[in-house]
């Protein structure tokens, strides 16, 4: 009996995988967003509702990241930015912060290994934010991960950690002002476009190969097409505020991040495609 149940389960799993592949293939025939951002919210609340430790919620959250990232890469979405850790999150319980840092090192390193997800799809990883605030072991791991994936040119995963949009904008302004101080730029040449182009995320996406960029249509490298926040919280929380312009689709879904999956992502992508088709008809 147990063997029969195992056989049925295996068959159902294979059928589900086949149907998912067909669904993603059909979806990819339509227009695809170029840059998608995720505020991965709800790990702690998910853990509490399940009677788990908070660290288990974060562990399950990394599994959701892998699932969601694989969907994006199969659909040839070339730029994905995730809000992994806010600068303000350092005010959380020290044990939770330490556990999260350790998980980030091990789980993200797995994605970068030879034959794993990022290498399979030719995607580089780029860490955005104040990395000097991170523990030394994580800074070393970040350097290794960026070097391991540095030659990949088909897309980019921006891991914003520790990050805030206001901090990113401040550093972009400082970089432009330093060009003026060094004599490489006149003060009259300072424009919002120049500051915008100096944002770390914009620079990261722009560094995708010219071939990949043309194919993805990344004429405005930092612009977000879709921003998703899970756990039904309706605010940006200082994430990519400049890049989320008036044409960005904002989606606040009820699902906790560890439970986020294709069934949540599908209506978001279909809605975006519908918007593009309607725009082309006008």
C-alpha atoms as a PDB file:
ATOM      1  CA  UNK A   1       0.000   0.000   0.000  1.00  0.00           C
ATOM      2  CA  UNK A   2       2.776   2.401   0.949  1.00  0.00           C
ATOM      3  CA  UNK A   3       4.593   1.637  -2.295  1.00  0.00           C
ATOM      4  CA  UNK A   4       1.418   2.379  -4.294  1.00  0.00           C
ATOM      5  CA  UNK A   5       0.946   5.714  -2.545  1.00  0.00           C
ATOM      6  CA  UNK A   6       4.564   6.578  -3.256  1.00  0.00           C
ATOM      7  CA  UNK A   7       4.104   5.737  -6.936  1.00  0.00           C
ATOM      8  CA  UNK A   8       0.948   7.874  -7.179  1.00  0.00           C
ATOM      9  CA  UNK A   9       2.714  10.749  -5.431  1.00  0.00           C
ATOM     10  CA  UNK A  10       5.640  10.496  -7.844  1.00  0.00           C
ATOM     11  CA  UNK A  11       3.329  10.499 -10.871  1.00  0.00           C
ATOM     12  CA  UNK A  12       1.395  13.509  -9.570  1.00  0.00           C
ATOM     13  CA  UNK A  13       4.649  15.343  -8.939  1.00  0.00           C
ATOM     14  CA  UNK A  14       5.809  14.703 -12.504  1.00  0.00           C
ATOM     15  CA  UNK A  15       2.459  15.797 -13.944  1.00  0.00           C
ATOM     16  CA  UNK A  16       2.543  18.973 -11.849  1.00  0.00           C
ATOM     17  CA  UNK A  17       6.090  19.738 -13.017  1.00  0.00           C
ATOM     18  CA  UNK A  18       5.097  19.181 -16.659  1.00  0.00           C
ATOM     19  CA  UNK A  19       2.018  21.407 -16.383  1.00  0.00           C
ATOM     20  CA  UNK A  20       4.083  24.113 -14.691  1.00  0.00           C
ATOM     21  CA  UNK A  21       6.656  23.984 -17.500  1.00  0.00           C
ATOM     22  CA  UNK A  22       3.916  24.275 -20.143  1.00  0.00           C
ATOM     23  CA  UNK A  23       2.280  27.146 -18.265  1.00  0.00           C
ATOM     24  CA  UNK A  24       5.543  29.095 -17.994  1.00  0.00           C
ATOM     25  CA  UNK A  25       6.283  28.458 -21.674  1.00  0.00           C
ATOM     26  CA  UNK A  26       2.899  29.864 -22.714  1.00  0.00           C
ATOM     27  CA  UNK A  27       3.285  32.817 -20.365  1.00  0.00           C
ATOM     28  CA  UNK A  28       6.719  33.608 -21.807  1.00  0.00           C
ATOM     29  CA  UNK A  29       5.201  33.974 -25.289  1.00  0.00           C
ATOM     30  CA  UNK A  30       3.752  37.309 -24.187  1.00  0.00           C
ATOM     31  CA  UNK A  31       5.570  40.479 -23.076  1.00  0.00           C
ATOM     32  CA  UNK A  32       7.671  40.118 -19.942  1.00  0.00           C
ATOM     33  CA  UNK A  33       8.677  42.720 -17.353  1.00  0.00           C
ATOM     34  CA  UNK A  34      12.337  43.712 -17.414  1.00  0.00           C
ATOM     35  CA  UNK A  35      12.889  44.455 -13.730  1.00  0.00           C
ATOM     36  CA  UNK A  36      10.924  43.054 -10.785  1.00  0.00           C
ATOM     37  CA  UNK A  37      11.405  43.869  -7.102  1.00  0.00           C
ATOM     38  CA  UNK A  38      10.292  41.926  -4.029  1.00  0.00           C
ATOM     39  CA  UNK A  39       9.823  43.089  -0.450  1.00  0.00           C
ATOM     40  CA  UNK A  40       9.989  39.682   1.221  1.00  0.00           C
ATOM     41  CA  UNK A  41       7.757  40.366   4.191  1.00  0.00           C
ATOM     42  CA  UNK A  42       6.051  38.091   6.688  1.00  0.00           C
ATOM     43  CA  UNK A  43       8.686  35.510   7.679  1.00  0.00           C
ATOM     44  CA  UNK A  44       8.243  36.154  11.388  1.00  0.00           C
ATOM     45  CA  UNK A  45       4.442  36.247  11.288  1.00  0.00           C
ATOM     46  CA  UNK A  46       4.431  33.065   9.224  1.00  0.00           C
ATOM     47  CA  UNK A  47       6.579  31.359  11.864  1.00  0.00           C
ATOM     48  CA  UNK A  48       4.312  32.486  14.703  1.00  0.00           C
ATOM     49  CA  UNK A  49       1.175  31.209  12.947  1.00  0.00           C
ATOM     50  CA  UNK A  50       2.884  27.831  12.438  1.00  0.00           C
ATOM     51  CA  UNK A  51       4.229  27.621  15.979  1.00  0.00           C
ATOM     52  CA  UNK A  52       7.808  27.703  14.671  1.00  0.00           C
ATOM     53  CA  UNK A  53      10.929  29.500  15.759  1.00  0.00           C
ATOM     54  CA  UNK A  54      11.542  32.776  13.948  1.00  0.00           C
ATOM     55  CA  UNK A  55      14.711  31.365  12.386  1.00  0.00           C
ATOM     56  CA  UNK A  56      12.653  28.614  10.725  1.00  0.00           C
ATOM     57  CA  UNK A  57      10.456  31.293   9.188  1.00  0.00           C
ATOM     58  CA  UNK A  58      13.529  32.904   7.650  1.00  0.00           C
ATOM     59  CA  UNK A  59      14.778  29.495   6.458  1.00  0.00           C
ATOM     60  CA  UNK A  60      11.468  28.824   4.714  1.00  0.00           C
ATOM     61  CA  UNK A  61      11.670  32.344   3.296  1.00  0.00           C
ATOM     62  CA  UNK A  62      14.913  31.469   1.524  1.00  0.00           C
ATOM     63  CA  UNK A  63      13.206  28.451  -0.044  1.00  0.00           C
ATOM     64  CA  UNK A  64      10.496  30.776  -1.335  1.00  0.00           C
ATOM     65  CA  UNK A  65      13.200  33.026  -2.783  1.00  0.00           C
ATOM     66  CA  UNK A  66      14.645  30.094  -4.701  1.00  0.00           C
ATOM     67  CA  UNK A  67      11.205  29.126  -6.087  1.00  0.00           C
ATOM     68  CA  UNK A  68      10.304  32.669  -7.062  1.00  0.00           C
ATOM     69  CA  UNK A  69      13.695  33.414  -8.573  1.00  0.00           C
ATOM     70  CA  UNK A  70      13.530  30.257 -10.678  1.00  0.00           C
ATOM     71  CA  UNK A  71      10.137  31.316 -12.060  1.00  0.00           C
ATOM     72  CA  UNK A  72      11.545  34.739 -12.966  1.00  0.00           C
ATOM     73  CA  UNK A  73      14.601  33.267 -14.654  1.00  0.00           C
ATOM     74  CA  UNK A  74      12.581  30.728 -16.630  1.00  0.00           C
ATOM     75  CA  UNK A  75      10.488  33.638 -17.902  1.00  0.00           C
ATOM     76  CA  UNK A  76      13.688  35.524 -18.847  1.00  0.00           C
ATOM     77  CA  UNK A  77      13.080  38.401 -16.461  1.00  0.00           C
ATOM     78  CA  UNK A  78      16.593  39.827 -16.559  1.00  0.00           C
ATOM     79  CA  UNK A  79      16.721  41.909 -13.380  1.00  0.00           C
ATOM     80  CA  UNK A  80      15.382  40.894  -9.965  1.00  0.00           C
ATOM     81  CA  UNK A  81      15.915  43.034  -6.855  1.00  0.00           C
ATOM     82  CA  UNK A  82      15.093  41.745  -3.376  1.00  0.00           C
ATOM     83  CA  UNK A  83      14.835  43.633  -0.084  1.00  0.00           C
ATOM     84  CA  UNK A  84      16.836  41.179   2.009  1.00  0.00           C
ATOM     85  CA  UNK A  85      17.690  43.343   5.031  1.00  0.00           C
ATOM     86  CA  UNK A  86      16.908  46.951   5.868  1.00  0.00           C
ATOM     87  CA  UNK A  87      19.387  49.137   7.713  1.00  0.00           C
ATOM     88  CA  UNK A  88      16.714  49.635  10.371  1.00  0.00           C
ATOM     89  CA  UNK A  89      16.536  45.850  10.906  1.00  0.00           C
ATOM     90  CA  UNK A  90      19.707  46.008  12.989  1.00  0.00           C
ATOM     91  CA  UNK A  91      17.437  47.164  15.815  1.00  0.00           C
ATOM     92  CA  UNK A  92      15.874  43.681  15.984  1.00  0.00           C
ATOM     93  CA  UNK A  93      16.843  41.022  18.516  1.00  0.00           C
ATOM     94  CA  UNK A  94      20.571  40.332  18.212  1.00  0.00           C
ATOM     95  CA  UNK A  95      20.135  36.551  18.065  1.00  0.00           C
ATOM     96  CA  UNK A  96      17.631  36.862  15.227  1.00  0.00           C
ATOM     97  CA  UNK A  97      19.930  39.196  13.292  1.00  0.00           C
ATOM     98  CA  UNK A  98      22.898  36.832  13.762  1.00  0.00           C
ATOM     99  CA  UNK A  99      20.853  33.844  12.624  1.00  0.00           C
ATOM    100  CA  UNK A 100      19.618  35.719   9.567  1.00  0.00           C
ATOM    101  CA  UNK A 101      23.163  36.736   8.619  1.00  0.00           C
ATOM    102  CA  UNK A 102      24.295  33.115   8.861  1.00  0.00           C
ATOM    103  CA  UNK A 103      21.372  31.947   6.727  1.00  0.00           C
ATOM    104  CA  UNK A 104      22.108  34.611   4.131  1.00  0.00           C
ATOM    105  CA  UNK A 105      25.669  33.385   3.806  1.00  0.00           C
ATOM    106  CA  UNK A 106      24.813  29.708   3.392  1.00  0.00           C
ATOM    107  CA  UNK A 107      21.608  29.952   1.326  1.00  0.00           C
ATOM    108  CA  UNK A 108      22.774  32.661  -1.064  1.00  0.00           C
ATOM    109  CA  UNK A 109      26.121  30.904  -1.518  1.00  0.00           C
ATOM    110  CA  UNK A 110      24.200  27.787  -2.575  1.00  0.00           C
ATOM    111  CA  UNK A 111      22.549  29.765  -5.394  1.00  0.00           C
ATOM    112  CA  UNK A 112      25.988  30.812  -6.666  1.00  0.00           C
ATOM    113  CA  UNK A 113      27.604  27.380  -6.696  1.00  0.00           C
ATOM    114  CA  UNK A 114      28.609  25.725  -9.958  1.00  0.00           C
ATOM    115  CA  UNK A 115      25.580  24.100 -11.554  1.00  0.00           C
ATOM    116  CA  UNK A 116      23.087  25.847  -9.276  1.00  0.00           C
ATOM    117  CA  UNK A 117      20.411  28.362 -10.196  1.00  0.00           C
ATOM    118  CA  UNK A 118      22.418  31.521 -10.927  1.00  0.00           C
ATOM    119  CA  UNK A 119      25.117  29.692 -12.850  1.00  0.00           C
ATOM    120  CA  UNK A 120      22.552  27.675 -14.798  1.00  0.00           C
ATOM    121  CA  UNK A 121      20.822  30.828 -16.049  1.00  0.00           C
ATOM    122  CA  UNK A 122      23.940  32.967 -16.364  1.00  0.00           C
ATOM    123  CA  UNK A 123      22.928  35.458 -13.672  1.00  0.00           C
ATOM    124  CA  UNK A 124      25.319  37.518 -11.572  1.00  0.00           C
ATOM    125  CA  UNK A 125      24.620  38.481  -7.977  1.00  0.00           C
ATOM    126  CA  UNK A 126      25.237  42.015  -6.756  1.00  0.00           C
ATOM    127  CA  UNK A 127      24.910  43.172  -3.156  1.00  0.00           C
ATOM    128  CA  UNK A 128      23.496  46.671  -2.780  1.00  0.00           C
ATOM    129  CA  UNK A 129      23.811  48.765   0.365  1.00  0.00           C
ATOM    130  CA  UNK A 130      26.068  49.427   3.331  1.00  0.00           C
ATOM    131  CA  UNK A 131      28.014  46.181   3.384  1.00  0.00           C
ATOM    132  CA  UNK A 132      30.521  47.700   5.841  1.00  0.00           C
ATOM    133  CA  UNK A 133      27.798  47.304   8.471  1.00  0.00           C
ATOM    134  CA  UNK A 134      27.786  43.509   7.998  1.00  0.00           C
ATOM    135  CA  UNK A 135      29.927  41.032   9.974  1.00  0.00           C
ATOM    136  CA  UNK A 136      33.294  40.262   8.426  1.00  0.00           C
ATOM    137  CA  UNK A 137      32.475  36.623   7.575  1.00  0.00           C
ATOM    138  CA  UNK A 138      29.483  37.786   5.517  1.00  0.00           C
ATOM    139  CA  UNK A 139      31.488  40.503   3.753  1.00  0.00           C
ATOM    140  CA  UNK A 140      34.032  37.842   2.755  1.00  0.00           C
ATOM    141  CA  UNK A 141      31.228  35.578   1.491  1.00  0.00           C
ATOM    142  CA  UNK A 142      29.703  38.469  -0.473  1.00  0.00           C
ATOM    143  CA  UNK A 143      33.016  39.111  -2.200  1.00  0.00           C
ATOM    144  CA  UNK A 144      33.268  35.413  -3.075  1.00  0.00           C
ATOM    145  CA  UNK A 145      29.698  35.283  -4.423  1.00  0.00           C
ATOM    146  CA  UNK A 146      30.154  38.358  -6.600  1.00  0.00           C
ATOM    147  CA  UNK A 147      33.400  36.937  -7.985  1.00  0.00           C
ATOM    148  CA  UNK A 148      31.853  33.502  -8.606  1.00  0.00           C
ATOM    149  CA  UNK A 149      29.054  35.007 -10.707  1.00  0.00           C
ATOM    150  CA  UNK A 150      30.910  38.050 -12.029  1.00  0.00           C
ATOM    151  CA  UNK A 151      31.259  36.721 -15.582  1.00  0.00           C
ATOM    152  CA  UNK A 152      27.558  35.921 -15.948  1.00  0.00           C
ATOM    153  CA  UNK A 153      25.907  38.318 -18.392  1.00  0.00           C
ATOM    154  CA  UNK A 154      22.339  37.150 -18.862  1.00  0.00           C
ATOM    155  CA  UNK A 155      20.822  38.850 -15.835  1.00  0.00           C
ATOM    156  CA  UNK A 156      21.350  40.154 -12.335  1.00  0.00           C
ATOM    157  CA  UNK A 157      20.034  39.437  -8.856  1.00  0.00           C
ATOM    158  CA  UNK A 158      20.332  42.542  -6.667  1.00  0.00           C
ATOM    159  CA  UNK A 159      20.416  41.591  -2.993  1.00  0.00           C
ATOM    160  CA  UNK A 160      19.676  44.791  -1.058  1.00  0.00           C
ATOM    161  CA  UNK A 161      21.387  44.216   2.279  1.00  0.00           C
ATOM    162  CA  UNK A 162      21.621  46.295   4.425  1.00  0.00           C
ATOM    163  CA  UNK A 163      19.731  48.856   2.424  1.00  0.00           C
ATOM    164  CA  UNK A 164      17.497  51.895   2.456  1.00  0.00           C
ATOM    165  CA  UNK A 165      16.435  53.924  -0.550  1.00  0.00           C
ATOM    166  CA  UNK A 166      17.265  57.204   1.146  1.00  0.00           C
ATOM    167  CA  UNK A 167      20.785  55.942   1.848  1.00  0.00           C
ATOM    168  CA  UNK A 168      21.178  54.841  -1.779  1.00  0.00           C
ATOM    169  CA  UNK A 169      20.071  58.288  -3.002  1.00  0.00           C
ATOM    170  CA  UNK A 170      22.386  60.044  -0.522  1.00  0.00           C
ATOM    171  CA  UNK A 171      25.409  58.094  -1.750  1.00  0.00           C
ATOM    172  CA  UNK A 172      24.486  58.788  -5.378  1.00  0.00           C
ATOM    173  CA  UNK A 173      24.427  62.531  -4.617  1.00  0.00           C
ATOM    174  CA  UNK A 174      27.784  62.262  -2.828  1.00  0.00           C
ATOM    175  CA  UNK A 175      29.297  60.476  -5.834  1.00  0.00           C
ATOM    176  CA  UNK A 176      28.144  63.217  -8.209  1.00  0.00           C
ATOM    177  CA  UNK A 177      29.460  65.938  -5.894  1.00  0.00           C
ATOM    178  CA  UNK A 178      32.839  64.192  -5.727  1.00  0.00           C
ATOM    179  CA  UNK A 179      33.011  64.417  -9.530  1.00  0.00           C
ATOM    180  CA  UNK A 180      32.545  68.176  -9.197  1.00  0.00           C
ATOM    181  CA  UNK A 181      35.228  68.379  -6.496  1.00  0.00           C
ATOM    182  CA  UNK A 182      37.650  66.385  -8.660  1.00  0.00           C
ATOM    183  CA  UNK A 183      36.990  68.687 -11.593  1.00  0.00           C
ATOM    184  CA  UNK A 184      35.427  65.971 -13.751  1.00  0.00           C
ATOM    185  CA  UNK A 185      32.013  67.630 -13.722  1.00  0.00           C
ATOM    186  CA  UNK A 186      30.710  71.179 -13.604  1.00  0.00           C
ATOM    187  CA  UNK A 187      28.149  72.067 -10.940  1.00  0.00           C
ATOM    188  CA  UNK A 188      25.804  73.258 -13.678  1.00  0.00           C
ATOM    189  CA  UNK A 189      25.853  69.733 -15.133  1.00  0.00           C
ATOM    190  CA  UNK A 190      24.299  68.173 -12.036  1.00  0.00           C
ATOM    191  CA  UNK A 191      20.871  66.865 -13.036  1.00  0.00           C
ATOM    192  CA  UNK A 192      18.363  64.466 -11.570  1.00  0.00           C
ATOM    193  CA  UNK A 193      19.140  62.085 -14.456  1.00  0.00           C
ATOM    194  CA  UNK A 194      22.833  62.017 -13.541  1.00  0.00           C
ATOM    195  CA  UNK A 195      22.080  61.363  -9.872  1.00  0.00           C
ATOM    196  CA  UNK A 196      19.559  58.681 -10.820  1.00  0.00           C
ATOM    197  CA  UNK A 197      22.121  56.952 -13.043  1.00  0.00           C
ATOM    198  CA  UNK A 198      24.504  56.835 -10.057  1.00  0.00           C
ATOM    199  CA  UNK A 199      22.094  54.830  -7.912  1.00  0.00           C
ATOM    200  CA  UNK A 200      23.680  51.469  -7.076  1.00  0.00           C
ATOM    201  CA  UNK A 201      20.789  49.437  -8.432  1.00  0.00           C
ATOM    202  CA  UNK A 202      20.769  51.377 -11.712  1.00  0.00           C
ATOM    203  CA  UNK A 203      24.500  50.793 -12.114  1.00  0.00           C
ATOM    204  CA  UNK A 204      24.097  47.110 -11.317  1.00  0.00           C
ATOM    205  CA  UNK A 205      21.388  46.529 -13.911  1.00  0.00           C
ATOM    206  CA  UNK A 206      23.236  48.624 -16.491  1.00  0.00           C
ATOM    207  CA  UNK A 207      26.247  46.339 -16.144  1.00  0.00           C
ATOM    208  CA  UNK A 208      24.373  43.435 -17.698  1.00  0.00           C
ATOM    209  CA  UNK A 209      26.036  42.735 -21.036  1.00  0.00           C
ATOM    210  CA  UNK A 210      25.048  44.932 -23.969  1.00  0.00           C
ATOM    211  CA  UNK A 211      23.679  41.867 -25.744  1.00  0.00           C
ATOM    212  CA  UNK A 212      21.526  40.906 -22.788  1.00  0.00           C
ATOM    213  CA  UNK A 213      20.400  44.488 -22.213  1.00  0.00           C
ATOM    214  CA  UNK A 214      19.185  44.931 -25.773  1.00  0.00           C
ATOM    215  CA  UNK A 215      17.305  41.681 -25.615  1.00  0.00           C
ATOM    216  CA  UNK A 216      15.685  42.677 -22.340  1.00  0.00           C
ATOM    217  CA  UNK A 217      14.971  46.236 -23.485  1.00  0.00           C
ATOM    218  CA  UNK A 218      16.656  47.791 -20.464  1.00  0.00           C
ATOM    219  CA  UNK A 219      16.632  51.344 -21.802  1.00  0.00           C
ATOM    220  CA  UNK A 220      15.992  52.666 -18.266  1.00  0.00           C
ATOM    221  CA  UNK A 221      18.076  50.229 -16.211  1.00  0.00           C
ATOM    222  CA  UNK A 222      16.803  51.078 -12.760  1.00  0.00           C
ATOM    223  CA  UNK A 223      13.111  51.404 -13.551  1.00  0.00           C
ATOM    224  CA  UNK A 224      10.914  48.876 -11.803  1.00  0.00           C
ATOM    225  CA  UNK A 225       8.149  47.314 -13.875  1.00  0.00           C
ATOM    226  CA  UNK A 226       6.641  45.413 -10.935  1.00  0.00           C
ATOM    227  CA  UNK A 227       7.090  45.738  -7.184  1.00  0.00           C
ATOM    228  CA  UNK A 228       5.630  42.974  -5.001  1.00  0.00           C
ATOM    229  CA  UNK A 229       5.253  43.103  -1.241  1.00  0.00           C
ATOM    230  CA  UNK A 230       3.919  40.104   0.640  1.00  0.00           C
ATOM    231  CA  UNK A 231       1.985  39.697   3.935  1.00  0.00           C
ATOM    232  CA  UNK A 232      -0.612  42.372   3.042  1.00  0.00           C
ATOM    233  CA  UNK A 233       1.508  45.314   4.235  1.00  0.00           C
ATOM    234  CA  UNK A 234       0.815  48.332   1.999  1.00  0.00           C
ATOM    235  CA  UNK A 235       3.931  50.482   2.122  1.00  0.00           C
ATOM    236  CA  UNK A 236       7.318  50.683   0.387  1.00  0.00           C
ATOM    237  CA  UNK A 237       9.363  50.835   3.618  1.00  0.00           C
ATOM    238  CA  UNK A 238      12.167  52.834   1.999  1.00  0.00           C
ATOM    239  CA  UNK A 239      12.761  50.348  -0.839  1.00  0.00           C
ATOM    240  CA  UNK A 240      13.631  51.617  -4.331  1.00  0.00           C
ATOM    241  CA  UNK A 241      11.499  54.738  -3.922  1.00  0.00           C
ATOM    242  CA  UNK A 242      13.037  56.523  -6.904  1.00  0.00           C
ATOM    243  CA  UNK A 243      12.988  53.466  -9.182  1.00  0.00           C
ATOM    244  CA  UNK A 244       9.298  52.790  -8.394  1.00  0.00           C
ATOM    245  CA  UNK A 245       7.960  55.506 -10.670  1.00  0.00           C
ATOM    246  CA  UNK A 246       4.469  56.326 -11.918  1.00  0.00           C
ATOM    247  CA  UNK A 247       4.516  53.386 -14.349  1.00  0.00           C
ATOM    248  CA  UNK A 248       5.464  50.743 -11.781  1.00  0.00           C
ATOM    249  CA  UNK A 249       2.774  48.205 -10.915  1.00  0.00           C
ATOM    250  CA  UNK A 250       2.541  47.833  -7.138  1.00  0.00           C
ATOM    251  CA  UNK A 251       1.169  44.567  -5.781  1.00  0.00           C
ATOM    252  CA  UNK A 252       0.474  44.028  -2.083  1.00  0.00           C
ATOM    253  CA  UNK A 253      -0.455  40.370  -1.664  1.00  0.00           C
ATOM    254  CA  UNK A 254      -1.851  38.743   1.470  1.00  0.00           C
ATOM    255  CA  UNK A 255       0.415  35.678   1.314  1.00  0.00           C
ATOM    256  CA  UNK A 256       3.333  35.500   3.748  1.00  0.00           C
ATOM    257  CA  UNK A 257       6.655  35.392   1.911  1.00  0.00           C
ATOM    258  CA  UNK A 258       7.537  31.761   2.835  1.00  0.00           C
ATOM    259  CA  UNK A 259       4.267  30.651   1.184  1.00  0.00           C
ATOM    260  CA  UNK A 260       4.600  32.881  -1.900  1.00  0.00           C
ATOM    261  CA  UNK A 261       4.715  30.930  -5.147  1.00  0.00           C
ATOM    262  CA  UNK A 262       3.578  30.581  -8.734  1.00  0.00           C
ATOM    263  CA  UNK A 263      -0.121  30.840  -7.836  1.00  0.00           C
ATOM    264  CA  UNK A 264       0.596  34.293  -6.392  1.00  0.00           C
ATOM    265  CA  UNK A 265       2.952  35.360  -9.180  1.00  0.00           C
ATOM    266  CA  UNK A 266       0.776  34.231 -12.075  1.00  0.00           C
ATOM    267  CA  UNK A 267      -2.054  36.810 -11.722  1.00  0.00           C
ATOM    268  CA  UNK A 268       0.552  39.557 -11.204  1.00  0.00           C
ATOM    269  CA  UNK A 269       2.291  38.717 -14.481  1.00  0.00           C
ATOM    270  CA  UNK A 270      -0.968  38.220 -16.375  1.00  0.00           C
ATOM    271  CA  UNK A 271      -2.171  41.611 -15.150  1.00  0.00           C
ATOM    272  CA  UNK A 272       1.063  43.233 -16.318  1.00  0.00           C
ATOM    273  CA  UNK A 273       0.765  41.576 -19.733  1.00  0.00           C
ATOM    274  CA  UNK A 274      -2.834  42.728 -20.073  1.00  0.00           C
ATOM    275  CA  UNK A 275      -1.737  46.281 -19.361  1.00  0.00           C
ATOM    276  CA  UNK A 276       0.923  46.078 -22.092  1.00  0.00           C
ATOM    277  CA  UNK A 277      -1.516  44.687 -24.642  1.00  0.00           C
ATOM    278  CA  UNK A 278      -4.083  47.391 -23.888  1.00  0.00           C
ATOM    279  CA  UNK A 279      -1.391  50.046 -24.200  1.00  0.00           C
ATOM    280  CA  UNK A 280      -0.399  48.721 -27.629  1.00  0.00           C
ATOM    281  CA  UNK A 281      -4.029  48.846 -28.789  1.00  0.00           C
ATOM    282  CA  UNK A 282      -4.407  52.520 -27.908  1.00  0.00           C
END
